[in-house]
Amino acid sequence: MTSGKARTTAALSAFFACALTSVAFSQTASIDEKAQTCLQCHGEQGKAIDPSYPSIWGQHQGYLYLQLRDFKLGNRKNEIMNGIAQDLSREDMMALAEYFSQKTWVNLNQPRASEADVKRSETAIVSGQCGACHGADGVGAGTTPRINGQSHDYLLKTMEDFRAKVRTNNPWMSDILGTLQPEDLQALANYYAGK
């Protein structure tokens, strides 16, 4: 298990590396070269350097494009990503989304949820209608993200941010998650991360 200090140091290193390499998004750089900037945080082998960062290898192209667009427009807030997305054209965003969607989803080998968390999650999934968009298995499609096997810390933070209306690029998610208890979110993160 990585310590909080080590994760913070890694995150800061990645931030400065990303800031210094934003030149990689020049008009003459290839998509492979531009993707190298993404890999500094999201991982050379698809496993992010910090568990609070999402896995993007094998994520749906439509979803990845929309998130990059929202970062560029400021509809989704993240200091690192907002800065990086500013240098991306629509064509860059489409190409990067396609590039990462064609990678293989990475198994993060996260622990399975406890029986209690599974039971609580099943109730929350029904009341929150998670399966209506993310599918019965949590693999999503199109512009809806795969959450099955996503990083636990990222899932939990994302749900908490939607619930608190800190993340505002999908108000419907805030409405849904606002009906759930914090314990439900923890159980859901455990459940989907461990699938």
N, C-alpha and C. Protein backbone atom coordinates (compact mmCIF):
# COMPACT_ATOMS: atom_id res chain seq x y z
N MET A 1 0.84 -1.18 0.00
CA MET A 1 0.00 0.00 0.00
C MET A 1 0.89 1.24 0.00
N THR A 2 0.58 2.17 -0.88
CA THR A 2 1.37 3.40 -0.99
C THR A 2 0.93 4.37 0.08
N SER A 3 1.90 5.02 0.72
CA SER A 3 1.56 5.99 1.76
C SER A 3 1.00 7.25 1.14
N GLY A 4 0.27 8.03 1.96
CA GLY A 4 -0.30 9.28 1.49
C GLY A 4 0.77 10.25 1.03
N LYS A 5 1.91 10.30 1.74
CA LYS A 5 3.00 11.20 1.38
C LYS A 5 3.60 10.79 0.03
N ALA A 6 3.77 9.48 -0.18
CA ALA A 6 4.33 9.00 -1.44
C ALA A 6 3.39 9.31 -2.59
N ARG A 7 2.07 9.14 -2.37
CA ARG A 7 1.10 9.45 -3.42
C ARG A 7 1.11 10.94 -3.74
N THR A 8 1.19 11.78 -2.71
CA THR A 8 1.22 13.22 -2.92
C THR A 8 2.46 13.61 -3.71
N THR A 9 3.61 13.04 -3.35
CA THR A 9 4.85 13.32 -4.06
C THR A 9 4.74 12.89 -5.52
N ALA A 10 4.20 11.70 -5.75
CA ALA A 10 4.02 11.20 -7.11
C ALA A 10 3.07 12.10 -7.90
N ALA A 11 1.98 12.53 -7.25
CA ALA A 11 1.01 13.39 -7.92
C ALA A 11 1.63 14.73 -8.29
N LEU A 12 2.41 15.30 -7.37
CA LEU A 12 3.07 16.58 -7.66
C LEU A 12 4.09 16.43 -8.78
N SER A 13 4.84 15.33 -8.76
CA SER A 13 5.80 15.08 -9.83
C SER A 13 5.09 14.97 -11.17
N ALA A 14 3.97 14.27 -11.17
CA ALA A 14 3.20 14.12 -12.41
C ALA A 14 2.66 15.46 -12.88
N PHE A 15 2.20 16.27 -11.92
CA PHE A 15 1.66 17.58 -12.28
C PHE A 15 2.72 18.42 -12.98
N PHE A 16 3.91 18.48 -12.39
CA PHE A 16 4.97 19.28 -12.98
C PHE A 16 5.45 18.69 -14.29
N ALA A 17 5.47 17.37 -14.38
CA ALA A 17 5.87 16.73 -15.64
C ALA A 17 4.85 17.05 -16.72
N CYS A 18 3.56 17.01 -16.36
CA CYS A 18 2.52 17.33 -17.33
C CYS A 18 2.62 18.79 -17.76
N ALA A 19 2.84 19.66 -16.79
CA ALA A 19 2.95 21.08 -17.11
C ALA A 19 4.13 21.35 -18.04
N LEU A 20 5.25 20.67 -17.78
CA LEU A 20 6.44 20.89 -18.58
C LEU A 20 6.33 20.27 -19.98
N THR A 21 5.50 19.26 -20.12
CA THR A 21 5.41 18.60 -21.42
C THR A 21 4.18 18.99 -22.21
N SER A 22 3.50 20.04 -21.80
CA SER A 22 2.32 20.45 -22.57
C SER A 22 2.71 20.83 -23.99
N VAL A 23 4.00 21.08 -24.21
CA VAL A 23 4.48 21.33 -25.56
C VAL A 23 4.25 20.12 -26.45
N ALA A 24 4.06 18.94 -25.85
CA ALA A 24 3.79 17.73 -26.64
C ALA A 24 2.50 17.85 -27.42
N PHE A 25 1.65 18.80 -27.05
CA PHE A 25 0.40 18.98 -27.75
C PHE A 25 0.52 19.98 -28.89
N SER A 26 1.73 20.22 -29.36
CA SER A 26 1.91 21.11 -30.49
C SER A 26 1.22 20.51 -31.71
N GLN A 27 0.97 21.35 -32.67
CA GLN A 27 0.26 20.91 -33.89
C GLN A 27 1.02 19.83 -34.65
N THR A 28 2.34 19.79 -34.50
CA THR A 28 3.13 18.83 -35.28
C THR A 28 3.32 17.49 -34.58
N ALA A 29 2.94 17.39 -33.32
CA ALA A 29 3.12 16.14 -32.58
C ALA A 29 2.09 15.10 -33.05
N SER A 30 2.51 13.84 -33.09
CA SER A 30 1.59 12.76 -33.44
C SER A 30 0.72 12.41 -32.23
N ILE A 31 -0.33 11.65 -32.46
CA ILE A 31 -1.19 11.23 -31.34
C ILE A 31 -0.40 10.36 -30.38
N ASP A 32 0.48 9.51 -30.88
CA ASP A 32 1.32 8.71 -29.98
C ASP A 32 2.16 9.61 -29.07
N GLU A 33 2.70 10.69 -29.62
CA GLU A 33 3.49 11.63 -28.82
C GLU A 33 2.60 12.37 -27.82
N LYS A 34 1.42 12.76 -28.25
CA LYS A 34 0.51 13.48 -27.35
C LYS A 34 0.03 12.56 -26.23
N ALA A 35 -0.16 11.30 -26.55
CA ALA A 35 -0.61 10.34 -25.54
C ALA A 35 0.43 10.15 -24.44
N GLN A 36 1.70 10.39 -24.75
CA GLN A 36 2.75 10.25 -23.74
C GLN A 36 2.51 11.17 -22.54
N THR A 37 1.96 12.34 -22.79
CA THR A 37 1.64 13.25 -21.69
C THR A 37 0.57 12.62 -20.80
N CYS A 38 -0.42 11.99 -21.40
CA CYS A 38 -1.49 11.34 -20.64
C CYS A 38 -0.94 10.19 -19.79
N LEU A 39 -0.01 9.46 -20.38
CA LEU A 39 0.54 8.28 -19.72
C LEU A 39 1.35 8.63 -18.47
N GLN A 40 1.83 9.85 -18.37
CA GLN A 40 2.60 10.24 -17.19
C GLN A 40 1.77 10.14 -15.92
N CYS A 41 0.47 10.37 -16.02
CA CYS A 41 -0.41 10.24 -14.85
C CYS A 41 -1.25 8.96 -14.91
N HIS A 42 -1.75 8.63 -16.10
CA HIS A 42 -2.67 7.51 -16.23
C HIS A 42 -1.96 6.18 -16.42
N GLY A 43 -0.63 6.20 -16.49
CA GLY A 43 0.14 4.97 -16.45
C GLY A 43 0.60 4.44 -17.79
N GLU A 44 1.88 4.08 -17.83
CA GLU A 44 2.47 3.50 -19.04
C GLU A 44 1.81 2.18 -19.43
N GLN A 45 1.37 1.43 -18.44
CA GLN A 45 0.71 0.14 -18.71
C GLN A 45 -0.77 0.19 -18.36
N GLY A 46 -1.33 1.40 -18.26
CA GLY A 46 -2.75 1.55 -18.00
C GLY A 46 -3.13 1.63 -16.55
N LYS A 47 -2.16 1.52 -15.65
CA LYS A 47 -2.43 1.64 -14.22
C LYS A 47 -1.94 3.00 -13.77
N ALA A 48 -2.87 3.85 -13.33
CA ALA A 48 -2.53 5.22 -12.96
C ALA A 48 -1.51 5.27 -11.83
N ILE A 49 -0.73 6.35 -11.80
CA ILE A 49 0.31 6.49 -10.77
C ILE A 49 -0.28 6.76 -9.40
N ASP A 50 -1.53 7.16 -9.35
CA ASP A 50 -2.21 7.47 -8.09
C ASP A 50 -3.60 6.84 -8.17
N PRO A 51 -4.05 6.12 -7.14
CA PRO A 51 -5.35 5.47 -7.22
C PRO A 51 -6.54 6.43 -7.31
N SER A 52 -6.29 7.72 -7.07
CA SER A 52 -7.39 8.68 -7.22
C SER A 52 -7.53 9.15 -8.67
N TYR A 53 -6.62 8.69 -9.55
CA TYR A 53 -6.72 8.98 -10.98
C TYR A 53 -7.43 7.81 -11.66
N PRO A 54 -8.24 8.08 -12.66
CA PRO A 54 -8.98 6.99 -13.31
C PRO A 54 -8.14 6.16 -14.26
N SER A 55 -8.56 4.92 -14.42
CA SER A 55 -8.04 4.09 -15.49
C SER A 55 -8.72 4.55 -16.77
N ILE A 56 -7.94 4.81 -17.81
CA ILE A 56 -8.54 5.25 -19.06
C ILE A 56 -8.30 4.27 -20.20
N TRP A 57 -7.41 3.30 -19.99
CA TRP A 57 -7.19 2.29 -21.04
C TRP A 57 -8.46 1.46 -21.19
N GLY A 58 -8.97 1.40 -22.41
CA GLY A 58 -10.15 0.58 -22.67
C GLY A 58 -11.46 1.25 -22.28
N GLN A 59 -11.39 2.50 -21.80
CA GLN A 59 -12.62 3.23 -21.49
C GLN A 59 -13.29 3.61 -22.82
N HIS A 60 -14.57 3.88 -22.80
CA HIS A 60 -15.31 4.15 -24.03
C HIS A 60 -14.90 5.47 -24.67
N GLN A 61 -14.75 5.43 -25.99
CA GLN A 61 -14.29 6.59 -26.74
C GLN A 61 -15.19 7.80 -26.53
N GLY A 62 -16.50 7.61 -26.62
CA GLY A 62 -17.43 8.73 -26.46
C GLY A 62 -17.30 9.38 -25.10
N TYR A 63 -17.16 8.56 -24.07
CA TYR A 63 -17.02 9.09 -22.72
C TYR A 63 -15.71 9.86 -22.58
N LEU A 64 -14.61 9.29 -23.06
CA LEU A 64 -13.32 9.96 -22.95
C LEU A 64 -13.34 11.31 -23.67
N TYR A 65 -13.92 11.33 -24.86
CA TYR A 65 -14.00 12.60 -25.60
C TYR A 65 -14.79 13.64 -24.80
N LEU A 66 -15.94 13.25 -24.28
CA LEU A 66 -16.77 14.22 -23.54
C LEU A 66 -16.05 14.76 -22.31
N GLN A 67 -15.28 13.91 -21.63
CA GLN A 67 -14.56 14.38 -20.45
C GLN A 67 -13.46 15.37 -20.84
N LEU A 68 -12.72 15.06 -21.90
CA LEU A 68 -11.70 16.00 -22.38
C LEU A 68 -12.34 17.33 -22.77
N ARG A 69 -13.46 17.25 -23.47
CA ARG A 69 -14.17 18.47 -23.86
C ARG A 69 -14.61 19.26 -22.64
N ASP A 70 -15.16 18.56 -21.63
CA ASP A 70 -15.61 19.25 -20.42
C ASP A 70 -14.45 19.87 -19.65
N PHE A 71 -13.30 19.20 -19.63
CA PHE A 71 -12.11 19.79 -19.01
C PHE A 71 -11.70 21.05 -19.76
N LYS A 72 -11.71 20.99 -21.08
CA LYS A 72 -11.32 22.14 -21.90
C LYS A 72 -12.25 23.32 -21.66
N LEU A 73 -13.55 23.04 -21.60
CA LEU A 73 -14.55 24.11 -21.41
C LEU A 73 -14.65 24.58 -19.97
N GLY A 74 -14.04 23.83 -19.04
CA GLY A 74 -14.13 24.18 -17.63
C GLY A 74 -15.39 23.66 -16.97
N ASN A 75 -16.15 22.81 -17.66
CA ASN A 75 -17.36 22.22 -17.08
C ASN A 75 -17.04 21.13 -16.08
N ARG A 76 -15.84 20.58 -16.18
CA ARG A 76 -15.33 19.63 -15.21
C ARG A 76 -14.03 20.19 -14.67
N LYS A 77 -13.90 20.27 -13.37
CA LYS A 77 -12.77 20.94 -12.75
C LYS A 77 -11.69 19.96 -12.28
N ASN A 78 -10.48 20.19 -12.72
CA ASN A 78 -9.29 19.49 -12.24
C ASN A 78 -8.11 20.31 -12.73
N GLU A 79 -7.33 20.82 -11.80
CA GLU A 79 -6.26 21.75 -12.15
C GLU A 79 -5.33 21.20 -13.22
N ILE A 80 -4.94 19.95 -13.08
CA ILE A 80 -4.03 19.36 -14.06
C ILE A 80 -4.72 19.20 -15.40
N MET A 81 -5.89 18.58 -15.40
CA MET A 81 -6.58 18.28 -16.65
C MET A 81 -7.09 19.54 -17.35
N ASN A 82 -7.54 20.53 -16.59
CA ASN A 82 -7.99 21.77 -17.23
C ASN A 82 -6.84 22.43 -17.99
N GLY A 83 -5.64 22.42 -17.38
CA GLY A 83 -4.48 23.00 -18.05
C GLY A 83 -4.08 22.23 -19.30
N ILE A 84 -4.08 20.91 -19.21
CA ILE A 84 -3.69 20.09 -20.35
C ILE A 84 -4.71 20.21 -21.48
N ALA A 85 -5.98 20.17 -21.15
CA ALA A 85 -7.03 20.19 -22.18
C ALA A 85 -7.08 21.51 -22.95
N GLN A 86 -6.60 22.58 -22.34
CA GLN A 86 -6.61 23.87 -23.02
C GLN A 86 -5.84 23.83 -24.33
N ASP A 87 -4.82 23.00 -24.40
CA ASP A 87 -3.98 22.92 -25.60
C ASP A 87 -4.50 21.92 -26.63
N LEU A 88 -5.61 21.28 -26.35
CA LEU A 88 -6.12 20.24 -27.26
C LEU A 88 -7.17 20.79 -28.21
N SER A 89 -7.03 20.46 -29.47
CA SER A 89 -8.08 20.78 -30.44
C SER A 89 -9.15 19.69 -30.36
N ARG A 90 -10.28 19.91 -31.01
CA ARG A 90 -11.33 18.89 -31.05
C ARG A 90 -10.78 17.62 -31.68
N GLU A 91 -9.99 17.77 -32.73
CA GLU A 91 -9.41 16.62 -33.41
C GLU A 91 -8.47 15.85 -32.49
N ASP A 92 -7.67 16.59 -31.69
CA ASP A 92 -6.80 15.94 -30.71
C ASP A 92 -7.62 15.13 -29.71
N MET A 93 -8.69 15.74 -29.20
CA MET A 93 -9.51 15.06 -28.20
C MET A 93 -10.14 13.80 -28.77
N MET A 94 -10.64 13.90 -30.00
CA MET A 94 -11.24 12.73 -30.64
C MET A 94 -10.19 11.64 -30.85
N ALA A 95 -9.01 12.04 -31.30
CA ALA A 95 -7.95 11.06 -31.57
C ALA A 95 -7.44 10.41 -30.28
N LEU A 96 -7.27 11.21 -29.22
CA LEU A 96 -6.82 10.64 -27.94
C LEU A 96 -7.88 9.70 -27.36
N ALA A 97 -9.15 10.09 -27.48
CA ALA A 97 -10.23 9.22 -26.99
C ALA A 97 -10.22 7.89 -27.74
N GLU A 98 -10.03 7.94 -29.04
CA GLU A 98 -9.97 6.70 -29.83
C GLU A 98 -8.73 5.88 -29.44
N TYR A 99 -7.60 6.54 -29.30
CA TYR A 99 -6.34 5.89 -28.95
C TYR A 99 -6.49 5.08 -27.66
N PHE A 100 -7.01 5.72 -26.61
CA PHE A 100 -7.10 5.02 -25.32
C PHE A 100 -8.25 4.01 -25.30
N SER A 101 -9.31 4.25 -26.07
CA SER A 101 -10.42 3.29 -26.09
C SER A 101 -10.00 1.97 -26.72
N GLN A 102 -8.98 1.99 -27.57
CA GLN A 102 -8.52 0.78 -28.23
C GLN A 102 -7.52 -0.02 -27.40
N LYS A 103 -7.11 0.51 -26.27
CA LYS A 103 -6.23 -0.22 -25.37
C LYS A 103 -7.05 -1.26 -24.60
N THR A 104 -6.37 -2.19 -23.98
CA THR A 104 -7.04 -3.23 -23.19
C THR A 104 -7.27 -2.74 -21.77
N TRP A 105 -8.50 -2.92 -21.30
CA TRP A 105 -8.84 -2.56 -19.91
C TRP A 105 -7.90 -3.30 -18.96
N VAL A 106 -7.39 -2.59 -17.98
CA VAL A 106 -6.39 -3.16 -17.07
C VAL A 106 -7.06 -3.68 -15.80
N ASN A 107 -6.72 -4.90 -15.42
CA ASN A 107 -7.21 -5.45 -14.16
C ASN A 107 -6.33 -4.90 -13.04
N LEU A 108 -6.91 -4.11 -12.15
CA LEU A 108 -6.17 -3.50 -11.06
C LEU A 108 -6.03 -4.43 -9.86
N ASN A 109 -6.61 -5.62 -9.96
CA ASN A 109 -6.51 -6.62 -8.88
C ASN A 109 -6.93 -6.07 -7.53
N GLN A 110 -8.08 -5.41 -7.53
CA GLN A 110 -8.61 -4.85 -6.30
C GLN A 110 -9.43 -5.90 -5.57
N PRO A 111 -9.51 -5.82 -4.26
CA PRO A 111 -10.25 -6.84 -3.51
C PRO A 111 -11.74 -6.82 -3.83
N ARG A 112 -12.33 -7.99 -3.74
CA ARG A 112 -13.78 -8.10 -3.94
C ARG A 112 -14.50 -7.50 -2.75
N ALA A 113 -15.70 -7.02 -3.00
CA ALA A 113 -16.52 -6.44 -1.93
C ALA A 113 -16.96 -7.53 -0.97
N SER A 114 -17.16 -7.14 0.28
CA SER A 114 -17.67 -8.07 1.28
C SER A 114 -19.13 -8.40 0.96
N GLU A 115 -19.65 -9.45 1.58
CA GLU A 115 -21.06 -9.80 1.37
C GLU A 115 -21.97 -8.66 1.79
N ALA A 116 -21.62 -7.99 2.88
CA ALA A 116 -22.44 -6.86 3.35
C ALA A 116 -22.44 -5.73 2.32
N ASP A 117 -21.26 -5.45 1.74
CA ASP A 117 -21.18 -4.39 0.73
C ASP A 117 -21.93 -4.78 -0.54
N VAL A 118 -21.86 -6.05 -0.92
CA VAL A 118 -22.60 -6.51 -2.10
C VAL A 118 -24.09 -6.32 -1.87
N LYS A 119 -24.57 -6.72 -0.71
CA LYS A 119 -26.00 -6.59 -0.41
C LYS A 119 -26.42 -5.12 -0.41
N ARG A 120 -25.63 -4.27 0.24
CA ARG A 120 -25.96 -2.84 0.28
C ARG A 120 -25.90 -2.24 -1.12
N SER A 121 -24.91 -2.66 -1.92
CA SER A 121 -24.76 -2.16 -3.29
C SER A 121 -25.95 -2.55 -4.16
N GLU A 122 -26.39 -3.78 -4.02
CA GLU A 122 -27.53 -4.23 -4.83
C GLU A 122 -28.75 -3.36 -4.59
N THR A 123 -28.98 -3.00 -3.33
CA THR A 123 -30.10 -2.11 -3.00
C THR A 123 -29.86 -0.72 -3.60
N ALA A 124 -28.64 -0.18 -3.45
CA ALA A 124 -28.32 1.14 -3.97
C ALA A 124 -28.39 1.17 -5.50
N ILE A 125 -27.97 0.10 -6.14
CA ILE A 125 -28.00 0.03 -7.61
C ILE A 125 -29.44 0.10 -8.11
N VAL A 126 -30.34 -0.56 -7.42
CA VAL A 126 -31.76 -0.51 -7.82
C VAL A 126 -32.33 0.88 -7.58
N SER A 127 -32.11 1.42 -6.37
CA SER A 127 -32.70 2.73 -6.07
C SER A 127 -32.04 3.85 -6.87
N GLY A 128 -30.75 3.71 -7.16
CA GLY A 128 -30.05 4.72 -7.95
C GLY A 128 -30.12 4.48 -9.45
N GLN A 129 -30.68 3.38 -9.85
CA GLN A 129 -30.84 3.02 -11.26
C GLN A 129 -29.50 2.98 -12.00
N CYS A 130 -28.45 2.54 -11.32
CA CYS A 130 -27.11 2.50 -11.92
C CYS A 130 -27.08 1.69 -13.21
N GLY A 131 -27.77 0.56 -13.19
CA GLY A 131 -27.76 -0.33 -14.34
C GLY A 131 -28.41 0.25 -15.58
N ALA A 132 -29.29 1.23 -15.41
CA ALA A 132 -29.97 1.83 -16.56
C ALA A 132 -28.97 2.47 -17.52
N CYS A 133 -27.90 3.02 -17.00
CA CYS A 133 -26.89 3.66 -17.84
C CYS A 133 -25.60 2.85 -17.93
N HIS A 134 -25.12 2.38 -16.79
CA HIS A 134 -23.83 1.69 -16.75
C HIS A 134 -23.96 0.22 -17.11
N GLY A 135 -25.18 -0.27 -17.27
CA GLY A 135 -25.42 -1.65 -17.62
C GLY A 135 -25.41 -2.56 -16.40
N ALA A 136 -25.98 -3.73 -16.56
CA ALA A 136 -26.10 -4.68 -15.45
C ALA A 136 -24.73 -5.07 -14.89
N ASP A 137 -23.71 -5.09 -15.74
CA ASP A 137 -22.37 -5.47 -15.30
C ASP A 137 -21.45 -4.29 -15.04
N GLY A 138 -21.97 -3.05 -15.20
CA GLY A 138 -21.16 -1.86 -14.93
C GLY A 138 -20.13 -1.54 -16.01
N VAL A 139 -20.32 -2.09 -17.22
CA VAL A 139 -19.33 -1.84 -18.27
C VAL A 139 -19.69 -0.65 -19.15
N GLY A 140 -20.86 -0.05 -18.97
CA GLY A 140 -21.23 1.14 -19.72
C GLY A 140 -21.19 0.91 -21.22
N ALA A 141 -21.35 2.01 -21.97
CA ALA A 141 -21.29 1.98 -23.43
C ALA A 141 -21.35 3.41 -23.93
N GLY A 142 -20.71 3.66 -25.05
CA GLY A 142 -20.80 4.97 -25.69
C GLY A 142 -20.27 6.10 -24.81
N THR A 143 -21.18 6.96 -24.37
CA THR A 143 -20.77 8.10 -23.54
C THR A 143 -20.91 7.83 -22.05
N THR A 144 -21.32 6.62 -21.70
CA THR A 144 -21.43 6.21 -20.30
C THR A 144 -20.20 5.40 -19.93
N PRO A 145 -19.50 5.78 -18.86
CA PRO A 145 -18.23 5.11 -18.55
C PRO A 145 -18.38 3.70 -18.01
N ARG A 146 -17.36 2.93 -18.25
CA ARG A 146 -17.20 1.65 -17.57
C ARG A 146 -16.80 1.98 -16.14
N ILE A 147 -17.50 1.39 -15.17
CA ILE A 147 -17.15 1.57 -13.76
C ILE A 147 -16.71 0.25 -13.14
N ASN A 148 -17.03 -0.84 -13.78
CA ASN A 148 -16.62 -2.17 -13.34
C ASN A 148 -15.10 -2.28 -13.43
N GLY A 149 -14.43 -2.45 -12.29
CA GLY A 149 -12.99 -2.59 -12.27
C GLY A 149 -12.22 -1.27 -12.26
N GLN A 150 -12.94 -0.16 -12.19
CA GLN A 150 -12.28 1.16 -12.11
C GLN A 150 -11.62 1.29 -10.74
N SER A 151 -10.67 2.18 -10.62
CA SER A 151 -9.97 2.40 -9.37
C SER A 151 -10.94 2.76 -8.24
N HIS A 152 -10.83 2.05 -7.12
CA HIS A 152 -11.71 2.27 -5.97
C HIS A 152 -11.69 3.73 -5.52
N ASP A 153 -10.49 4.28 -5.33
CA ASP A 153 -10.38 5.64 -4.82
C ASP A 153 -11.00 6.64 -5.78
N TYR A 154 -10.80 6.42 -7.07
CA TYR A 154 -11.40 7.31 -8.07
C TYR A 154 -12.92 7.19 -8.06
N LEU A 155 -13.43 5.96 -8.01
CA LEU A 155 -14.88 5.78 -7.97
C LEU A 155 -15.50 6.48 -6.77
N LEU A 156 -14.93 6.27 -5.60
CA LEU A 156 -15.48 6.85 -4.39
C LEU A 156 -15.44 8.37 -4.45
N LYS A 157 -14.31 8.94 -4.85
CA LYS A 157 -14.19 10.40 -4.93
C LYS A 157 -15.17 10.96 -5.95
N THR A 158 -15.31 10.29 -7.08
CA THR A 158 -16.23 10.76 -8.12
C THR A 158 -17.66 10.78 -7.60
N MET A 159 -18.07 9.69 -6.96
CA MET A 159 -19.44 9.65 -6.42
C MET A 159 -19.64 10.70 -5.33
N GLU A 160 -18.64 10.86 -4.47
CA GLU A 160 -18.75 11.88 -3.42
C GLU A 160 -18.83 13.28 -4.02
N ASP A 161 -18.04 13.53 -5.05
CA ASP A 161 -18.05 14.85 -5.70
C ASP A 161 -19.38 15.11 -6.39
N PHE A 162 -19.94 14.11 -7.05
CA PHE A 162 -21.27 14.29 -7.65
C PHE A 162 -22.31 14.54 -6.56
N ARG A 163 -22.27 13.74 -5.52
CA ARG A 163 -23.25 13.86 -4.43
C ARG A 163 -23.20 15.24 -3.79
N ALA A 164 -22.00 15.78 -3.61
CA ALA A 164 -21.82 17.10 -2.99
C ALA A 164 -21.96 18.24 -4.00
N LYS A 165 -22.20 17.89 -5.26
CA LYS A 165 -22.32 18.85 -6.36
C LYS A 165 -21.03 19.65 -6.57
N VAL A 166 -19.91 19.01 -6.25
CA VAL A 166 -18.60 19.59 -6.54
C VAL A 166 -18.27 19.32 -8.00
N ARG A 167 -18.60 18.13 -8.46
CA ARG A 167 -18.46 17.81 -9.89
C ARG A 167 -19.81 18.11 -10.52
N THR A 168 -19.80 19.01 -11.50
CA THR A 168 -21.06 19.53 -12.02
C THR A 168 -21.30 19.25 -13.50
N ASN A 169 -20.47 18.40 -14.11
CA ASN A 169 -20.67 18.20 -15.55
C ASN A 169 -21.71 17.13 -15.87
N ASN A 170 -22.41 16.63 -14.86
CA ASN A 170 -23.53 15.72 -15.09
C ASN A 170 -24.51 15.88 -13.92
N PRO A 171 -25.38 16.90 -13.97
CA PRO A 171 -26.29 17.16 -12.86
C PRO A 171 -27.20 15.98 -12.51
N TRP A 172 -27.49 15.14 -13.50
CA TRP A 172 -28.35 13.98 -13.25
C TRP A 172 -27.68 13.04 -12.26
N MET A 173 -26.36 12.87 -12.38
CA MET A 173 -25.64 12.02 -11.43
C MET A 173 -25.69 12.61 -10.02
N SER A 174 -25.62 13.93 -9.92
CA SER A 174 -25.72 14.57 -8.61
C SER A 174 -27.09 14.32 -8.00
N ASP A 175 -28.13 14.39 -8.82
CA ASP A 175 -29.49 14.14 -8.32
C ASP A 175 -29.63 12.71 -7.82
N ILE A 176 -29.13 11.76 -8.59
CA ILE A 176 -29.24 10.35 -8.22
C ILE A 176 -28.43 10.05 -6.95
N LEU A 177 -27.16 10.45 -6.96
CA LEU A 177 -26.30 10.13 -5.82
C LEU A 177 -26.67 10.92 -4.58
N GLY A 178 -27.36 12.01 -4.76
CA GLY A 178 -27.84 12.79 -3.62
C GLY A 178 -28.88 12.05 -2.80
N THR A 179 -29.49 11.03 -3.39
CA THR A 179 -30.50 10.25 -2.67
C THR A 179 -29.87 9.12 -1.85
N LEU A 180 -28.57 8.88 -2.06
CA LEU A 180 -27.90 7.78 -1.37
C LEU A 180 -27.12 8.28 -0.17
N GLN A 181 -26.86 7.39 0.76
CA GLN A 181 -26.10 7.71 1.96
C GLN A 181 -24.60 7.53 1.68
N PRO A 182 -23.72 8.21 2.44
CA PRO A 182 -22.28 8.02 2.26
C PRO A 182 -21.86 6.55 2.35
N GLU A 183 -22.53 5.79 3.21
CA GLU A 183 -22.21 4.36 3.34
C GLU A 183 -22.56 3.60 2.07
N ASP A 184 -23.59 4.06 1.36
CA ASP A 184 -23.95 3.45 0.08
C ASP A 184 -22.84 3.66 -0.94
N LEU A 185 -22.29 4.88 -0.95
CA LEU A 185 -21.23 5.19 -1.91
C LEU A 185 -19.99 4.35 -1.65
N GLN A 186 -19.66 4.17 -0.37
CA GLN A 186 -18.50 3.34 -0.03
C GLN A 186 -18.73 1.89 -0.48
N ALA A 187 -19.94 1.39 -0.24
CA ALA A 187 -20.25 0.02 -0.66
C ALA A 187 -20.20 -0.11 -2.18
N LEU A 188 -20.73 0.88 -2.88
CA LEU A 188 -20.71 0.86 -4.35
C LEU A 188 -19.29 0.89 -4.89
N ALA A 189 -18.45 1.71 -4.28
CA ALA A 189 -17.04 1.78 -4.72
C ALA A 189 -16.36 0.43 -4.51
N ASN A 190 -16.61 -0.18 -3.36
CA ASN A 190 -16.04 -1.50 -3.09
C ASN A 190 -16.54 -2.54 -4.08
N TYR A 191 -17.83 -2.47 -4.35
CA TYR A 191 -18.49 -3.43 -5.23
C TYR A 191 -17.96 -3.34 -6.66
N TYR A 192 -18.02 -2.13 -7.25
CA TYR A 192 -17.61 -1.99 -8.64
C TYR A 192 -16.10 -2.13 -8.82
N ALA A 193 -15.32 -1.64 -7.87
CA ALA A 193 -13.86 -1.76 -7.99
C ALA A 193 -13.43 -3.22 -7.98
N GLY A 194 -14.11 -4.03 -7.20
CA GLY A 194 -13.72 -5.43 -7.05
C GLY A 194 -14.31 -6.38 -8.05
N LYS A 195 -15.05 -5.88 -9.01
CA LYS A 195 -15.66 -6.77 -10.01
C LYS A 195 -14.65 -7.22 -11.05
